[in-house]
Amino acid sequence: MPEVPLDELRRVVVLSAAAQVEDQLAGHGRVLSDAVIDTVIDAPPGVGGLAPGLAPGLAPGLTPGLTPDLAVTAPGAEPDGRGRYAGGDVEAVLEVARPHRAAAARAYARSGIPLYVVVDPAAAACTVHTAPSVDDGYREAERVPFGNDLFLPLAGRTLVLRTDEFPAGPPTPGAGPDAGRGIVDG
């Protein structure tokens, strides 16, 4: 397979996953792309998808916010007055693997987000992280190769995400903001 820029891999994964999740939610929550989520994190601003310039007015212990590729909100969840979601309003996060995801994973776990999915085109696999812990990040992880369905347990329902159409392969060196740093499973 020819090398594909990371931005293109991310776009294909996000569009495919969003359509599948939206079809299955049937009004019981929403799927959002690049929504800002207030989380607890141990990384400096600007690292791992942190939204820039949003620090004023945060409660102690919260970050400027993380912006995952996709977030699934709980039924009835609404953004606050700043247009952001609390960690408790988010049932799942899905991200395409790239540098600095480990810090984001810890932040999502510390914020109580029950499900964190990392799609890694370079490895042609997804990792489903569950059992969040304030101290240990996610305690359980299941690696699922592309071509197999992901079973994503949400509150009171299970979504099935097909991975057979996710693109596999390394990003093209020099293409996109994460170029030259490789893809890292977070």
Protein backbone atom coordinates (compact mmCIF):
# COMPACT_ATOMS: atom_id res chain seq x y z
CA MET A 1 0.00 0.00 0.00
CA PRO A 2 1.41 3.44 -0.81
CA GLU A 3 2.19 5.64 2.18
CA VAL A 4 -0.62 7.99 3.14
CA PRO A 5 -0.33 11.24 5.14
CA LEU A 6 -1.42 11.00 8.77
CA ASP A 7 -4.09 13.67 8.26
CA GLU A 8 -5.69 11.56 5.52
CA LEU A 9 -5.57 8.40 7.69
CA ARG A 10 -7.18 10.32 10.55
CA ARG A 11 -9.92 11.75 8.28
CA VAL A 12 -10.88 8.33 6.89
CA VAL A 13 -10.97 6.70 10.34
CA VAL A 14 -12.94 9.54 11.93
CA LEU A 15 -15.53 9.70 9.15
CA SER A 16 -16.03 5.93 9.13
CA ALA A 17 -16.26 5.62 12.91
CA ALA A 18 -18.53 8.66 13.31
CA ALA A 19 -21.05 7.36 10.77
CA GLN A 20 -21.15 3.91 12.37
CA VAL A 21 -21.53 5.25 15.92
CA GLU A 22 -24.16 7.82 14.93
CA ASP A 23 -26.29 5.10 13.29
CA GLN A 24 -26.21 3.00 16.46
CA LEU A 25 -26.78 5.74 19.03
CA ALA A 26 -30.33 6.33 17.78
CA GLY A 27 -30.68 9.50 19.81
CA HIS A 28 -29.16 8.03 23.01
CA GLY A 29 -26.19 10.40 23.17
CA ARG A 30 -24.24 12.09 20.43
CA VAL A 31 -21.00 11.58 18.56
CA LEU A 32 -18.86 14.72 18.36
CA SER A 33 -15.61 15.45 16.56
CA ASP A 34 -13.03 17.70 18.24
CA ALA A 35 -15.31 18.58 21.18
CA VAL A 36 -13.41 20.14 24.08
CA ILE A 37 -13.50 18.03 27.24
CA ASP A 38 -12.37 19.31 30.64
CA THR A 39 -10.02 16.69 32.06
CA VAL A 40 -7.38 16.19 34.72
CA ILE A 41 -3.93 15.79 33.18
CA ASP A 42 -0.22 15.80 33.99
CA ALA A 43 1.05 17.26 30.69
CA PRO A 44 1.75 20.91 29.87
CA PRO A 45 -0.67 22.84 27.65
CA GLY A 46 -0.18 22.27 23.94
CA VAL A 47 0.72 18.58 24.36
CA GLY A 48 -1.50 15.67 23.35
CA GLY A 49 -4.44 17.47 21.82
CA LEU A 50 -4.87 20.15 24.47
CA ALA A 51 -7.00 23.01 23.25
CA PRO A 52 -4.91 26.18 23.24
CA GLY A 53 -5.91 29.39 24.96
CA LEU A 54 -8.74 28.02 27.10
CA ALA A 55 -7.14 28.11 30.56
CA PRO A 56 -8.88 31.15 32.19
CA GLY A 57 -11.66 30.28 34.60
CA LEU A 58 -10.92 26.56 35.01
CA ALA A 59 -11.58 24.83 38.29
CA PRO A 60 -8.40 23.68 40.11
CA GLY A 61 -7.05 20.40 38.73
CA LEU A 62 -8.62 20.78 35.29
CA THR A 63 -6.70 21.37 32.09
CA PRO A 64 -7.40 23.78 29.28
CA GLY A 65 -9.23 20.79 27.77
CA LEU A 66 -8.56 17.86 25.48
CA THR A 67 -9.98 17.62 21.97
CA PRO A 68 -10.29 13.96 20.97
CA ASP A 69 -10.91 12.93 17.37
CA LEU A 70 -14.34 11.58 18.41
CA ALA A 71 -16.29 11.66 21.65
CA VAL A 72 -19.55 9.91 22.48
CA THR A 73 -21.61 11.86 24.99
CA ALA A 74 -24.08 10.43 27.45
CA PRO A 75 -27.77 10.90 26.68
CA GLY A 76 -28.81 14.42 27.63
CA ALA A 77 -25.26 15.72 28.04
CA GLU A 78 -24.84 19.34 27.05
CA PRO A 79 -21.79 21.57 26.89
CA ASP A 80 -21.26 24.11 29.64
CA GLY A 81 -21.37 27.87 29.12
CA ARG A 82 -17.92 27.75 27.50
CA GLY A 83 -19.00 25.07 25.00
CA ARG A 84 -17.09 22.29 26.80
CA TYR A 85 -18.06 18.90 28.18
CA ALA A 86 -17.23 17.52 31.61
CA GLY A 87 -15.46 14.14 31.68
CA GLY A 88 -18.53 12.64 33.35
CA ASP A 89 -20.64 13.58 30.34
CA VAL A 90 -18.50 11.52 27.96
CA GLU A 91 -19.01 7.76 27.59
CA ALA A 92 -16.23 7.07 25.09
CA VAL A 93 -13.34 8.69 23.27
CA LEU A 94 -11.81 7.47 20.00
CA GLU A 95 -8.50 8.78 18.69
CA VAL A 96 -6.14 7.97 15.87
CA ALA A 97 -2.73 7.12 17.35
CA ARG A 98 -0.11 9.83 17.29
CA PRO A 99 2.53 11.23 19.67
CA HIS A 100 1.57 12.29 23.20
CA ARG A 101 -1.50 10.05 23.45
CA ALA A 102 -0.26 8.43 26.69
CA ALA A 103 -0.81 11.70 28.60
CA ALA A 104 -4.26 12.04 27.06
CA ALA A 105 -5.15 8.46 28.04
CA ARG A 106 -4.25 9.17 31.67
CA ALA A 107 -6.31 12.37 31.59
CA TYR A 108 -9.36 10.57 30.20
CA ALA A 109 -9.05 7.83 32.83
CA ARG A 110 -8.63 10.33 35.68
CA SER A 111 -11.73 12.14 34.44
CA GLY A 112 -13.80 8.95 34.60
CA ILE A 113 -14.32 8.40 30.87
CA PRO A 114 -15.10 4.66 30.82
CA LEU A 115 -13.91 3.79 27.30
CA TYR A 116 -10.86 4.98 25.33
CA VAL A 117 -10.22 3.58 21.85
CA VAL A 118 -6.95 4.15 19.99
CA VAL A 119 -6.96 3.37 16.27
CA ASP A 120 -3.41 2.74 15.03
CA PRO A 121 -3.13 2.59 11.22
CA ALA A 122 0.61 1.84 11.42
CA ALA A 123 -0.09 -1.32 13.44
CA ALA A 124 -3.39 -2.04 11.63
CA ALA A 125 -5.01 -2.51 15.03
CA CYS A 126 -7.20 -0.81 17.61
CA THR A 127 -6.73 -0.86 21.36
CA VAL A 128 -9.83 -0.64 23.53
CA HIS A 129 -8.99 0.69 27.01
CA THR A 130 -11.48 0.13 29.84
CA ALA A 131 -11.59 0.18 33.65
CA PRO A 132 -10.36 3.74 34.25
CA SER A 133 -8.52 4.51 37.45
CA VAL A 134 -7.66 7.89 38.93
CA ASP A 135 -4.21 6.56 39.88
CA ASP A 136 -3.34 4.02 37.19
CA GLY A 137 -4.90 5.22 33.94
CA TYR A 138 -6.83 2.46 32.20
CA ARG A 139 -6.29 -0.92 33.86
CA GLU A 140 -7.55 -3.08 30.99
CA ALA A 141 -6.74 -3.04 27.29
CA GLU A 142 -7.72 -5.29 24.41
CA ARG A 143 -5.89 -5.09 21.09
CA VAL A 144 -8.08 -5.84 18.06
CA PRO A 145 -6.56 -6.18 14.56
CA PHE A 146 -8.23 -4.34 11.68
CA GLY A 147 -10.79 -6.56 9.99
CA ASN A 148 -12.34 -7.58 13.33
CA ASP A 149 -15.31 -5.81 14.90
CA LEU A 150 -14.86 -3.72 18.04
CA PHE A 151 -17.48 -4.23 20.71
CA LEU A 152 -17.76 -1.00 22.67
CA PRO A 153 -19.71 -1.28 25.93
CA LEU A 154 -21.45 1.98 26.77
CA ALA A 155 -23.93 2.61 29.56
CA GLY A 156 -26.78 0.16 28.92
CA ARG A 157 -25.79 -0.72 25.34
CA THR A 158 -22.97 -2.05 23.20
CA LEU A 159 -21.89 -0.44 19.94
CA VAL A 160 -20.24 -2.49 17.22
CA LEU A 161 -17.58 -0.73 15.19
CA ARG A 162 -16.41 -2.37 11.96
CA THR A 163 -12.68 -1.87 11.32
CA ASP A 164 -12.40 -3.56 7.92
CA GLU A 165 -12.46 -0.20 6.11
CA PHE A 166 -9.91 1.54 8.35
CA PRO A 167 -6.78 2.41 6.36
CA ALA A 168 -3.56 0.67 7.37
CA GLY A 169 -0.04 1.82 6.84
CA PRO A 170 2.52 4.33 8.04
CA PRO A 171 2.10 8.05 7.46
CA THR A 172 4.13 9.72 4.74
CA PRO A 173 7.24 11.37 6.28
CA GLY A 174 6.94 15.14 6.16
CA ALA A 175 3.15 15.17 5.80
CA GLY A 176 1.07 16.76 8.53
CA PRO A 177 1.75 18.17 12.00
CA ASP A 178 2.96 14.89 13.51
CA ALA A 179 5.27 13.99 10.63
CA GLY A 180 8.66 12.65 11.48
CA ARG A 181 7.67 11.72 15.03
CA GLY A 182 6.02 8.41 14.22
CA ILE A 183 2.71 7.06 15.47
CA VAL A 184 2.52 6.05 19.09
CA ASP A 185 -0.18 3.91 20.70
CA GLY A 186 -1.48 5.83 23.70
